[in-house]
Amino acid sequence: AGASVTDAYLGGLDVIEGDSPDVSSG
């Protein structure tokens, strides 16, 4: 729910509130 996962995977992109990042592409 926070920004740390997206920051770690995508270099600082913000997480839209209520959304989970989709970072399983690798």
mmCIF file of all heavy atoms, coordinates in Angstrom:
data_MODEL
# 
_entry.id   MODEL 
# 
loop_
_atom_site.group_PDB 
_atom_site.id 
_atom_site.type_symbol 
_atom_site.label_atom_id 
_atom_site.label_alt_id 
_atom_site.label_comp_id 
_atom_site.label_asym_id 
_atom_site.label_entity_id 
_atom_site.label_seq_id 
_atom_site.pdbx_PDB_ins_code 
_atom_site.Cartn_x 
_atom_site.Cartn_y 
_atom_site.Cartn_z 
_atom_site.occupancy 
_atom_site.B_iso_or_equiv 
_atom_site.pdbx_formal_charge 
_atom_site.auth_seq_id 
_atom_site.auth_comp_id 
_atom_site.auth_asym_id 
_atom_site.auth_atom_id 
_atom_site.pdbx_PDB_model_num 
ATOM 1   N N   . ALA A 1 1  ? 0.811  -1.204  0.000   1.00 0.00 ? 1  ALA A N   1 
ATOM 2   C CA  . ALA A 1 1  ? 0.000  0.000   0.000   1.00 0.00 ? 1  ALA A CA  1 
ATOM 3   C C   . ALA A 1 1  ? 0.851  1.263   0.000   1.00 0.00 ? 1  ALA A C   1 
ATOM 4   O O   . ALA A 1 1  ? 0.343  2.355   -0.267  1.00 0.00 ? 1  ALA A O   1 
ATOM 5   C CB  . ALA A 1 1  ? -0.933 0.013   1.206   1.00 0.00 ? 1  ALA A CB  1 
ATOM 6   N N   . GLY A 1 2  ? 2.150  1.117   0.284   1.00 0.00 ? 2  GLY A N   1 
ATOM 7   C CA  . GLY A 1 2  ? 3.039  2.260   0.322   1.00 0.00 ? 2  GLY A CA  1 
ATOM 8   C C   . GLY A 1 2  ? 3.879  2.354   -0.931  1.00 0.00 ? 2  GLY A C   1 
ATOM 9   O O   . GLY A 1 2  ? 3.661  1.656   -1.919  1.00 0.00 ? 2  GLY A O   1 
ATOM 10  N N   . ALA A 1 3  ? 4.879  3.226   -0.876  1.00 0.00 ? 3  ALA A N   1 
ATOM 11  C CA  . ALA A 1 3  ? 5.690  3.499   -2.067  1.00 0.00 ? 3  ALA A CA  1 
ATOM 12  C C   . ALA A 1 3  ? 6.995  2.725   -2.106  1.00 0.00 ? 3  ALA A C   1 
ATOM 13  O O   . ALA A 1 3  ? 7.659  2.696   -3.138  1.00 0.00 ? 3  ALA A O   1 
ATOM 14  C CB  . ALA A 1 3  ? 5.995  4.994   -2.148  1.00 0.00 ? 3  ALA A CB  1 
ATOM 15  N N   . SER A 1 4  ? 7.381  2.072   -1.000  1.00 0.00 ? 4  SER A N   1 
ATOM 16  C CA  . SER A 1 4  ? 8.726  1.502   -0.935  1.00 0.00 ? 4  SER A CA  1 
ATOM 17  C C   . SER A 1 4  ? 8.938  0.373   -1.932  1.00 0.00 ? 4  SER A C   1 
ATOM 18  O O   . SER A 1 4  ? 10.018 0.237   -2.514  1.00 0.00 ? 4  SER A O   1 
ATOM 19  C CB  . SER A 1 4  ? 9.025  1.002   0.483   1.00 0.00 ? 4  SER A CB  1 
ATOM 20  O OG  . SER A 1 4  ? 8.126  -0.017  0.861   1.00 0.00 ? 4  SER A OG  1 
ATOM 21  N N   . VAL A 1 5  ? 7.912  -0.464  -2.159  1.00 0.00 ? 5  VAL A N   1 
ATOM 22  C CA  . VAL A 1 5  ? 8.067  -1.576  -3.094  1.00 0.00 ? 5  VAL A CA  1 
ATOM 23  C C   . VAL A 1 5  ? 8.238  -1.053  -4.513  1.00 0.00 ? 5  VAL A C   1 
ATOM 24  O O   . VAL A 1 5  ? 9.115  -1.495  -5.267  1.00 0.00 ? 5  VAL A O   1 
ATOM 25  C CB  . VAL A 1 5  ? 6.864  -2.539  -3.006  1.00 0.00 ? 5  VAL A CB  1 
ATOM 26  C CG1 . VAL A 1 5  ? 6.927  -3.578  -4.119  1.00 0.00 ? 5  VAL A CG1 1 
ATOM 27  C CG2 . VAL A 1 5  ? 6.854  -3.235  -1.649  1.00 0.00 ? 5  VAL A CG2 1 
ATOM 28  N N   . THR A 1 6  ? 7.403  -0.103  -4.898  1.00 0.00 ? 6  THR A N   1 
ATOM 29  C CA  . THR A 1 6  ? 7.536  0.469   -6.231  1.00 0.00 ? 6  THR A CA  1 
ATOM 30  C C   . THR A 1 6  ? 8.867  1.184   -6.388  1.00 0.00 ? 6  THR A C   1 
ATOM 31  O O   . THR A 1 6  ? 9.527  1.088   -7.428  1.00 0.00 ? 6  THR A O   1 
ATOM 32  C CB  . THR A 1 6  ? 6.379  1.446   -6.513  1.00 0.00 ? 6  THR A CB  1 
ATOM 33  O OG1 . THR A 1 6  ? 5.153  0.719   -6.471  1.00 0.00 ? 6  THR A OG1 1 
ATOM 34  C CG2 . THR A 1 6  ? 6.526  2.070   -7.886  1.00 0.00 ? 6  THR A CG2 1 
ATOM 35  N N   . ASP A 1 7  ? 9.304  1.911   -5.366  1.00 0.00 ? 7  ASP A N   1 
ATOM 36  C CA  . ASP A 1 7  ? 10.607 2.573   -5.422  1.00 0.00 ? 7  ASP A CA  1 
ATOM 37  C C   . ASP A 1 7  ? 11.720 1.567   -5.652  1.00 0.00 ? 7  ASP A C   1 
ATOM 38  O O   . ASP A 1 7  ? 12.629 1.791   -6.451  1.00 0.00 ? 7  ASP A O   1 
ATOM 39  C CB  . ASP A 1 7  ? 10.876 3.336   -4.116  1.00 0.00 ? 7  ASP A CB  1 
ATOM 40  C CG  . ASP A 1 7  ? 10.076 4.626   -4.022  1.00 0.00 ? 7  ASP A CG  1 
ATOM 41  O OD1 . ASP A 1 7  ? 9.521  5.049   -5.051  1.00 0.00 ? 7  ASP A OD1 1 
ATOM 42  O OD2 . ASP A 1 7  ? 10.001 5.193   -2.923  1.00 0.00 ? 7  ASP A OD2 1 
ATOM 43  N N   . ALA A 1 8  ? 11.645 0.443   -4.941  1.00 0.00 ? 8  ALA A N   1 
ATOM 44  C CA  . ALA A 1 8  ? 12.706 -0.556  -5.030  1.00 0.00 ? 8  ALA A CA  1 
ATOM 45  C C   . ALA A 1 8  ? 12.745 -1.208  -6.406  1.00 0.00 ? 8  ALA A C   1 
ATOM 46  O O   . ALA A 1 8  ? 13.821 -1.500  -6.938  1.00 0.00 ? 8  ALA A O   1 
ATOM 47  C CB  . ALA A 1 8  ? 12.514 -1.620  -3.952  1.00 0.00 ? 8  ALA A CB  1 
ATOM 48  N N   . TYR A 1 9  ? 11.575 -1.426  -6.997  1.00 0.00 ? 9  TYR A N   1 
ATOM 49  C CA  . TYR A 1 9  ? 11.523 -2.118  -8.283  1.00 0.00 ? 9  TYR A CA  1 
ATOM 50  C C   . TYR A 1 9  ? 11.660 -1.183  -9.477  1.00 0.00 ? 9  TYR A C   1 
ATOM 51  O O   . TYR A 1 9  ? 12.276 -1.515  -10.472 1.00 0.00 ? 9  TYR A O   1 
ATOM 52  C CB  . TYR A 1 9  ? 10.192 -2.872  -8.425  1.00 0.00 ? 9  TYR A CB  1 
ATOM 53  C CG  . TYR A 1 9  ? 10.174 -4.218  -7.748  1.00 0.00 ? 9  TYR A CG  1 
ATOM 54  C CD1 . TYR A 1 9  ? 9.785  -4.351  -6.438  1.00 0.00 ? 9  TYR A CD1 1 
ATOM 55  C CD2 . TYR A 1 9  ? 10.544 -5.359  -8.444  1.00 0.00 ? 9  TYR A CD2 1 
ATOM 56  C CE1 . TYR A 1 9  ? 9.753  -5.588  -5.820  1.00 0.00 ? 9  TYR A CE1 1 
ATOM 57  C CE2 . TYR A 1 9  ? 10.514 -6.603  -7.835  1.00 0.00 ? 9  TYR A CE2 1 
ATOM 58  C CZ  . TYR A 1 9  ? 10.112 -6.711  -6.524  1.00 0.00 ? 9  TYR A CZ  1 
ATOM 59  O OH  . TYR A 1 9  ? 10.089 -7.933  -5.919  1.00 0.00 ? 9  TYR A OH  1 
ATOM 60  N N   . LEU A 1 10 ? 11.049 -0.012  -9.371  1.00 0.00 ? 10 LEU A N   1 
ATOM 61  C CA  . LEU A 1 10 ? 10.888 0.830   -10.546 1.00 0.00 ? 10 LEU A CA  1 
ATOM 62  C C   . LEU A 1 10 ? 11.588 2.175   -10.439 1.00 0.00 ? 10 LEU A C   1 
ATOM 63  O O   . LEU A 1 10 ? 11.362 3.059   -11.253 1.00 0.00 ? 10 LEU A O   1 
ATOM 64  C CB  . LEU A 1 10 ? 9.390  1.041   -10.826 1.00 0.00 ? 10 LEU A CB  1 
ATOM 65  C CG  . LEU A 1 10 ? 8.582  -0.239  -11.034 1.00 0.00 ? 10 LEU A CG  1 
ATOM 66  C CD1 . LEU A 1 10 ? 7.110  0.091   -11.233 1.00 0.00 ? 10 LEU A CD1 1 
ATOM 67  C CD2 . LEU A 1 10 ? 9.101  -1.029  -12.220 1.00 0.00 ? 10 LEU A CD2 1 
ATOM 68  N N   . GLY A 1 11 ? 12.409 2.353   -9.417  1.00 0.00 ? 11 GLY A N   1 
ATOM 69  C CA  . GLY A 1 11 ? 13.256 3.531   -9.358  1.00 0.00 ? 11 GLY A CA  1 
ATOM 70  C C   . GLY A 1 11 ? 12.551 4.801   -8.972  1.00 0.00 ? 11 GLY A C   1 
ATOM 71  O O   . GLY A 1 11 ? 12.900 5.893   -9.432  1.00 0.00 ? 11 GLY A O   1 
ATOM 72  N N   . GLY A 1 12 ? 11.535 4.681   -8.094  1.00 0.00 ? 12 GLY A N   1 
ATOM 73  C CA  . GLY A 1 12 ? 10.970 5.893   -7.547  1.00 0.00 ? 12 GLY A CA  1 
ATOM 74  C C   . GLY A 1 12 ? 9.617  6.294   -8.098  1.00 0.00 ? 12 GLY A C   1 
ATOM 75  O O   . GLY A 1 12 ? 9.114  7.359   -7.785  1.00 0.00 ? 12 GLY A O   1 
ATOM 76  N N   . LEU A 1 13 ? 8.983  5.463   -8.946  1.00 0.00 ? 13 LEU A N   1 
ATOM 77  C CA  . LEU A 1 13 ? 7.648  5.787   -9.411  1.00 0.00 ? 13 LEU A CA  1 
ATOM 78  C C   . LEU A 1 13 ? 6.670  5.724   -8.254  1.00 0.00 ? 13 LEU A C   1 
ATOM 79  O O   . LEU A 1 13 ? 6.772  4.882   -7.369  1.00 0.00 ? 13 LEU A O   1 
ATOM 80  C CB  . LEU A 1 13 ? 7.204  4.804   -10.507 1.00 0.00 ? 13 LEU A CB  1 
ATOM 81  C CG  . LEU A 1 13 ? 8.053  4.798   -11.775 1.00 0.00 ? 13 LEU A CG  1 
ATOM 82  C CD1 . LEU A 1 13 ? 7.492  3.772   -12.748 1.00 0.00 ? 13 LEU A CD1 1 
ATOM 83  C CD2 . LEU A 1 13 ? 8.069  6.175   -12.434 1.00 0.00 ? 13 LEU A CD2 1 
ATOM 84  N N   . ASP A 1 14 ? 5.723  6.616   -8.246  1.00 0.00 ? 14 ASP A N   1 
ATOM 85  C CA  . ASP A 1 14 ? 4.760  6.662   -7.154  1.00 0.00 ? 14 ASP A CA  1 
ATOM 86  C C   . ASP A 1 14 ? 3.734  5.548   -7.284  1.00 0.00 ? 14 ASP A C   1 
ATOM 87  O O   . ASP A 1 14 ? 3.365  5.145   -8.386  1.00 0.00 ? 14 ASP A O   1 
ATOM 88  C CB  . ASP A 1 14 ? 4.017  8.001   -7.135  1.00 0.00 ? 14 ASP A CB  1 
ATOM 89  C CG  . ASP A 1 14 ? 4.937  9.145   -6.768  1.00 0.00 ? 14 ASP A CG  1 
ATOM 90  O OD1 . ASP A 1 14 ? 5.911  8.883   -6.043  1.00 0.00 ? 14 ASP A OD1 1 
ATOM 91  O OD2 . ASP A 1 14 ? 4.670  10.281  -7.205  1.00 0.00 ? 14 ASP A OD2 1 
ATOM 92  N N   . VAL A 1 15 ? 3.269  5.056   -6.153  1.00 0.00 ? 15 VAL A N   1 
ATOM 93  C CA  . VAL A 1 15 ? 2.164  4.100   -6.134  1.00 0.00 ? 15 VAL A CA  1 
ATOM 94  C C   . VAL A 1 15 ? 0.860  4.873   -6.082  1.00 0.00 ? 15 VAL A C   1 
ATOM 95  O O   . VAL A 1 15 ? 0.693  5.762   -5.259  1.00 0.00 ? 15 VAL A O   1 
ATOM 96  C CB  . VAL A 1 15 ? 2.266  3.178   -4.901  1.00 0.00 ? 15 VAL A CB  1 
ATOM 97  C CG1 . VAL A 1 15 ? 1.060  2.256   -4.829  1.00 0.00 ? 15 VAL A CG1 1 
ATOM 98  C CG2 . VAL A 1 15 ? 3.532  2.373   -4.957  1.00 0.00 ? 15 VAL A CG2 1 
ATOM 99  N N   . ILE A 1 16 ? -0.052 4.574   -6.995  1.00 0.00 ? 16 ILE A N   1 
ATOM 100 C CA  . ILE A 1 16 ? -1.367 5.204   -6.959  1.00 0.00 ? 16 ILE A CA  1 
ATOM 101 C C   . ILE A 1 16 ? -2.138 4.639   -5.787  1.00 0.00 ? 16 ILE A C   1 
ATOM 102 O O   . ILE A 1 16 ? -2.190 3.436   -5.576  1.00 0.00 ? 16 ILE A O   1 
ATOM 103 C CB  . ILE A 1 16 ? -2.133 4.942   -8.269  1.00 0.00 ? 16 ILE A CB  1 
ATOM 104 C CG1 . ILE A 1 16 ? -1.353 5.538   -9.441  1.00 0.00 ? 16 ILE A CG1 1 
ATOM 105 C CG2 . ILE A 1 16 ? -3.544 5.525   -8.206  1.00 0.00 ? 16 ILE A CG2 1 
ATOM 106 C CD1 . ILE A 1 16 ? -1.943 5.182   -10.789 1.00 0.00 ? 16 ILE A CD1 1 
ATOM 107 N N   . GLU A 1 17 ? -2.718 5.497   -5.003  1.00 0.00 ? 17 GLU A N   1 
ATOM 108 C CA  . GLU A 1 17 ? -3.410 5.057   -3.793  1.00 0.00 ? 17 GLU A CA  1 
ATOM 109 C C   . GLU A 1 17 ? -4.460 4.008   -4.128  1.00 0.00 ? 17 GLU A C   1 
ATOM 110 O O   . GLU A 1 17 ? -5.257 4.161   -5.044  1.00 0.00 ? 17 GLU A O   1 
ATOM 111 C CB  . GLU A 1 17 ? -4.081 6.248   -3.112  1.00 0.00 ? 17 GLU A CB  1 
ATOM 112 C CG  . GLU A 1 17 ? -4.698 5.884   -1.757  1.00 0.00 ? 17 GLU A CG  1 
ATOM 113 C CD  . GLU A 1 17 ? -5.219 7.098   -1.025  1.00 0.00 ? 17 GLU A CD  1 
ATOM 114 O OE1 . GLU A 1 17 ? -5.040 8.216   -1.533  1.00 0.00 ? 17 GLU A OE1 1 
ATOM 115 O OE2 . GLU A 1 17 ? -5.810 6.907   0.048   1.00 0.00 ? 17 GLU A OE2 1 
ATOM 116 N N   . GLY A 1 18 ? -4.419 2.905   -3.373  1.00 0.00 ? 18 GLY A N   1 
ATOM 117 C CA  . GLY A 1 18 ? -5.370 1.823   -3.585  1.00 0.00 ? 18 GLY A CA  1 
ATOM 118 C C   . GLY A 1 18 ? -4.906 0.780   -4.566  1.00 0.00 ? 18 GLY A C   1 
ATOM 119 O O   . GLY A 1 18 ? -5.532 -0.252  -4.705  1.00 0.00 ? 18 GLY A O   1 
ATOM 120 N N   . ASP A 1 19 ? -3.806 1.052   -5.275  1.00 0.00 ? 19 ASP A N   1 
ATOM 121 C CA  . ASP A 1 19 ? -3.298 0.095   -6.249  1.00 0.00 ? 19 ASP A CA  1 
ATOM 122 C C   . ASP A 1 19 ? -2.059 -0.586  -5.706  1.00 0.00 ? 19 ASP A C   1 
ATOM 123 O O   . ASP A 1 19 ? -1.327 -0.037  -4.905  1.00 0.00 ? 19 ASP A O   1 
ATOM 124 C CB  . ASP A 1 19 ? -2.931 0.787   -7.564  1.00 0.00 ? 19 ASP A CB  1 
ATOM 125 C CG  . ASP A 1 19 ? -4.167 1.222   -8.337  1.00 0.00 ? 19 ASP A CG  1 
ATOM 126 O OD1 . ASP A 1 19 ? -5.261 0.769   -7.962  1.00 0.00 ? 19 ASP A OD1 1 
ATOM 127 O OD2 . ASP A 1 19 ? -4.016 2.018   -9.284  1.00 0.00 ? 19 ASP A OD2 1 
ATOM 128 N N   . SER A 1 20 ? -1.820 -1.816  -6.179  1.00 0.00 ? 20 SER A N   1 
ATOM 129 C CA  . SER A 1 20 ? -0.580 -2.525  -5.882  1.00 0.00 ? 20 SER A CA  1 
ATOM 130 C C   . SER A 1 20 ? 0.250  -2.577  -7.149  1.00 0.00 ? 20 SER A C   1 
ATOM 131 O O   . SER A 1 20 ? -0.292 -2.798  -8.234  1.00 0.00 ? 20 SER A O   1 
ATOM 132 C CB  . SER A 1 20 ? -0.861 -3.955  -5.403  1.00 0.00 ? 20 SER A CB  1 
ATOM 133 O OG  . SER A 1 20 ? -1.560 -3.931  -4.185  1.00 0.00 ? 20 SER A OG  1 
ATOM 134 N N   . PRO A 1 21 ? 1.567  -2.375  -7.058  1.00 0.00 ? 21 PRO A N   1 
ATOM 135 C CA  . PRO A 1 21 ? 2.386  -2.380  -8.260  1.00 0.00 ? 21 PRO A CA  1 
ATOM 136 C C   . PRO A 1 21 ? 2.460  -3.753  -8.884  1.00 0.00 ? 21 PRO A C   1 
ATOM 137 O O   . PRO A 1 21 ? 2.526  -4.753  -8.189  1.00 0.00 ? 21 PRO A O   1 
ATOM 138 C CB  . PRO A 1 21 ? 3.759  -1.935  -7.747  1.00 0.00 ? 21 PRO A CB  1 
ATOM 139 C CG  . PRO A 1 21 ? 3.764  -2.325  -6.306  1.00 0.00 ? 21 PRO A CG  1 
ATOM 140 C CD  . PRO A 1 21 ? 2.351  -2.166  -5.840  1.00 0.00 ? 21 PRO A CD  1 
ATOM 141 N N   . ASP A 1 22 ? 2.454  -3.829  -10.204 1.00 0.00 ? 22 ASP A N   1 
ATOM 142 C CA  . ASP A 1 22 ? 2.620  -5.073  -10.935 1.00 0.00 ? 22 ASP A CA  1 
ATOM 143 C C   . ASP A 1 22 ? 4.067  -5.151  -11.381 1.00 0.00 ? 22 ASP A C   1 
ATOM 144 O O   . ASP A 1 22 ? 4.444  -4.555  -12.370 1.00 0.00 ? 22 ASP A O   1 
ATOM 145 C CB  . ASP A 1 22 ? 1.689  -5.103  -12.141 1.00 0.00 ? 22 ASP A CB  1 
ATOM 146 C CG  . ASP A 1 22 ? 1.824  -6.391  -12.934 1.00 0.00 ? 22 ASP A CG  1 
ATOM 147 O OD1 . ASP A 1 22 ? 2.526  -7.304  -12.451 1.00 0.00 ? 22 ASP A OD1 1 
ATOM 148 O OD2 . ASP A 1 22 ? 1.238  -6.473  -14.020 1.00 0.00 ? 22 ASP A OD2 1 
ATOM 149 N N   . VAL A 1 23 ? 4.877  -5.861  -10.618 1.00 0.00 ? 23 VAL A N   1 
ATOM 150 C CA  . VAL A 1 23 ? 6.311  -5.887  -10.891 1.00 0.00 ? 23 VAL A CA  1 
ATOM 151 C C   . VAL A 1 23 ? 6.813  -7.313  -11.000 1.00 0.00 ? 23 VAL A C   1 
ATOM 152 O O   . VAL A 1 23 ? 7.930  -7.623  -10.648 1.00 0.00 ? 23 VAL A O   1 
ATOM 153 C CB  . VAL A 1 23 ? 7.095  -5.134  -9.795  1.00 0.00 ? 23 VAL A CB  1 
ATOM 154 C CG1 . VAL A 1 23 ? 6.794  -3.658  -9.857  1.00 0.00 ? 23 VAL A CG1 1 
ATOM 155 C CG2 . VAL A 1 23 ? 6.782  -5.693  -8.411  1.00 0.00 ? 23 VAL A CG2 1 
ATOM 156 N N   . SER A 1 24 ? 5.975  -8.208  -11.500 1.00 0.00 ? 24 SER A N   1 
ATOM 157 C CA  . SER A 1 24 ? 6.362  -9.609  -11.605 1.00 0.00 ? 24 SER A CA  1 
ATOM 158 C C   . SER A 1 24 ? 6.868  -9.965  -12.992 1.00 0.00 ? 24 SER A C   1 
ATOM 159 O O   . SER A 1 24 ? 7.027  -11.130 -13.320 1.00 0.00 ? 24 SER A O   1 
ATOM 160 C CB  . SER A 1 24 ? 5.170  -10.507 -11.252 1.00 0.00 ? 24 SER A CB  1 
ATOM 161 O OG  . SER A 1 24 ? 4.099  -10.266 -12.139 1.00 0.00 ? 24 SER A OG  1 
ATOM 162 N N   . SER A 1 25 ? 7.161  -8.952  -13.817 1.00 0.00 ? 25 SER A N   1 
ATOM 163 C CA  . SER A 1 25 ? 7.474  -9.223  -15.214 1.00 0.00 ? 25 SER A CA  1 
ATOM 164 C C   . SER A 1 25 ? 8.848  -9.801  -15.426 1.00 0.00 ? 25 SER A C   1 
ATOM 165 O O   . SER A 1 25 ? 9.158  -10.272 -16.505 1.00 0.00 ? 25 SER A O   1 
ATOM 166 C CB  . SER A 1 25 ? 7.351  -7.933  -16.028 1.00 0.00 ? 25 SER A CB  1 
ATOM 167 O OG  . SER A 1 25 ? 8.227  -6.949  -15.520 1.00 0.00 ? 25 SER A OG  1 
ATOM 168 N N   . GLY A 1 26 ? 9.718  -9.782  -14.398 1.00 0.00 ? 26 GLY A N   1 
ATOM 169 C CA  . GLY A 1 26 ? 11.082 -10.237 -14.612 1.00 0.00 ? 26 GLY A CA  1 
ATOM 170 C C   . GLY A 1 26 ? 11.312 -11.699 -14.364 1.00 0.00 ? 26 GLY A C   1 
ATOM 171 O O   . GLY A 1 26 ? 12.453 -12.154 -14.402 1.00 0.00 ? 26 GLY A O   1 
# 
